[in-house]
Amino acid sequence: MSEHQATEPPPETADEGPAQTVPVRPARTKGRDVPWRLIALGVLLVYGIVFVVLNSRAVKVNFVFFAPRVSLIVALVLALLLGFLGGYLFDTMRDRRKRKPGDATPS
């Protein structure tokens, strides 16, 4: 039987009900598959490099008690990390408030 032909369903029996057909996927041909994940990773890598290069100038960042000059990309990454940390801590506090005092906590 060719790989592109669908299989015939088995005959119906009274106990099992109607039989389901399983679609047959066409066979992959060597050398013609496009590695989409690898392409997407490459595009993201190039974008990240361009992003860093375009945002490499030094800027003054005010941290209330001191104001150093840092690379803009460092300031952006720091802001991103602080945002993730704040979201994680907020989520953890919300989960603790939802739990009842007698509940066991899974670790």
Protein backbone atom coordinates (compact mmCIF):
# COMPACT_ATOMS: atom_id res chain seq x y z
CA MET A 1 0.00 0.00 0.00
CA SER A 2 1.31 3.48 -0.82
CA GLU A 3 2.14 5.89 2.02
CA HIS A 4 -0.28 8.48 0.64
CA GLN A 5 -3.35 6.26 0.69
CA ALA A 6 -5.71 6.29 3.66
CA THR A 7 -6.30 3.01 5.43
CA GLU A 8 -9.74 1.47 5.21
CA PRO A 9 -11.69 1.41 8.46
CA PRO A 10 -12.20 -1.99 10.09
CA PRO A 11 -15.71 -3.45 9.85
CA GLU A 12 -18.17 -2.25 12.50
CA THR A 13 -19.12 -4.54 15.33
CA ALA A 14 -22.16 -4.29 17.56
CA ASP A 15 -20.08 -3.77 20.72
CA GLU A 16 -17.66 -1.10 19.49
CA GLY A 17 -19.90 1.24 17.48
CA PRO A 18 -18.68 3.04 14.35
CA ALA A 19 -14.99 2.68 13.61
CA GLN A 20 -12.76 5.76 13.43
CA THR A 21 -10.40 6.31 10.52
CA VAL A 22 -6.98 7.68 11.28
CA PRO A 23 -5.63 10.08 8.67
CA VAL A 24 -2.29 9.03 7.25
CA ARG A 25 0.33 11.78 7.14
CA PRO A 26 2.29 12.00 3.94
CA ALA A 27 5.86 10.81 4.24
CA ARG A 28 8.47 13.54 4.66
CA THR A 29 10.90 13.91 1.85
CA LYS A 30 14.54 14.29 2.72
CA GLY A 31 16.09 17.69 2.07
CA ARG A 32 12.79 19.53 1.71
CA ASP A 33 11.86 20.07 5.36
CA VAL A 34 12.15 23.67 6.48
CA PRO A 35 13.57 23.99 10.02
CA TRP A 36 11.12 26.71 11.14
CA ARG A 37 12.23 26.67 14.77
CA LEU A 38 15.85 27.15 13.78
CA ILE A 39 14.90 30.00 11.44
CA ALA A 40 12.81 31.67 14.18
CA LEU A 41 15.67 31.29 16.67
CA GLY A 42 18.07 32.86 14.17
CA VAL A 43 15.74 35.79 13.53
CA LEU A 44 15.33 36.37 17.29
CA LEU A 45 19.09 36.19 17.78
CA VAL A 46 19.73 38.75 15.04
CA TYR A 47 16.98 40.98 16.47
CA GLY A 48 18.54 40.71 19.94
CA ILE A 49 21.99 41.66 18.64
CA VAL A 50 20.60 44.67 16.73
CA PHE A 51 18.60 45.68 19.83
CA VAL A 52 21.72 45.63 22.02
CA VAL A 53 23.82 47.55 19.48
CA LEU A 54 21.18 50.25 18.99
CA ASN A 55 20.65 50.65 22.75
CA SER A 56 24.27 50.66 23.88
CA ARG A 57 24.67 54.36 24.64
CA ALA A 58 25.10 55.43 28.27
CA VAL A 59 22.18 57.04 30.08
CA LYS A 60 21.73 58.42 33.58
CA VAL A 61 19.42 56.24 35.69
CA ASN A 62 18.07 57.67 38.94
CA PHE A 63 17.81 55.04 41.71
CA VAL A 64 16.54 57.63 44.27
CA PHE A 65 19.70 57.52 46.44
CA PHE A 66 22.22 57.51 43.58
CA ALA A 67 22.19 58.14 39.84
CA PRO A 68 24.88 56.27 37.89
CA ARG A 69 25.41 56.35 34.13
CA VAL A 70 24.81 52.89 32.69
CA SER A 71 24.25 51.43 29.25
CA LEU A 72 20.63 51.73 28.16
CA ILE A 73 20.41 47.98 27.55
CA VAL A 74 21.53 47.33 31.14
CA ALA A 75 18.80 49.66 32.40
CA LEU A 76 16.20 47.90 30.22
CA VAL A 77 17.27 44.43 31.38
CA LEU A 78 17.25 45.60 35.01
CA ALA A 79 13.72 46.98 34.58
CA LEU A 80 12.63 43.70 32.98
CA LEU A 81 14.09 41.64 35.83
CA LEU A 82 12.51 43.89 38.46
CA GLY A 83 9.16 43.53 36.69
CA PHE A 84 9.40 39.73 36.66
CA LEU A 85 10.44 39.69 40.32
CA GLY A 86 7.56 41.99 41.30
CA GLY A 87 5.06 39.84 39.40
CA TYR A 88 6.39 36.65 41.00
CA LEU A 89 6.25 38.11 44.51
CA PHE A 90 2.73 39.47 43.93
CA ASP A 91 1.55 36.07 42.68
CA THR A 92 3.14 34.29 45.65
CA MET A 93 1.49 36.67 48.15
CA ARG A 94 -1.88 36.26 46.44
CA ASP A 95 -1.59 32.45 46.57
CA ARG A 96 -0.76 32.56 50.29
CA ARG A 97 -3.81 34.70 51.01
CA LYS A 98 -6.10 32.35 49.06
CA ARG A 99 -4.97 29.27 51.00
CA LYS A 100 -6.73 28.46 54.22
CA PRO A 101 -4.60 28.21 57.39
CA GLY A 102 -5.15 24.41 57.71
CA ASP A 103 -4.25 23.54 54.11
CA ALA A 104 -1.07 21.60 53.48
CA THR A 105 1.33 23.31 51.11
CA PRO A 106 2.83 21.18 48.31
CA SER A 107 6.56 21.76 47.95
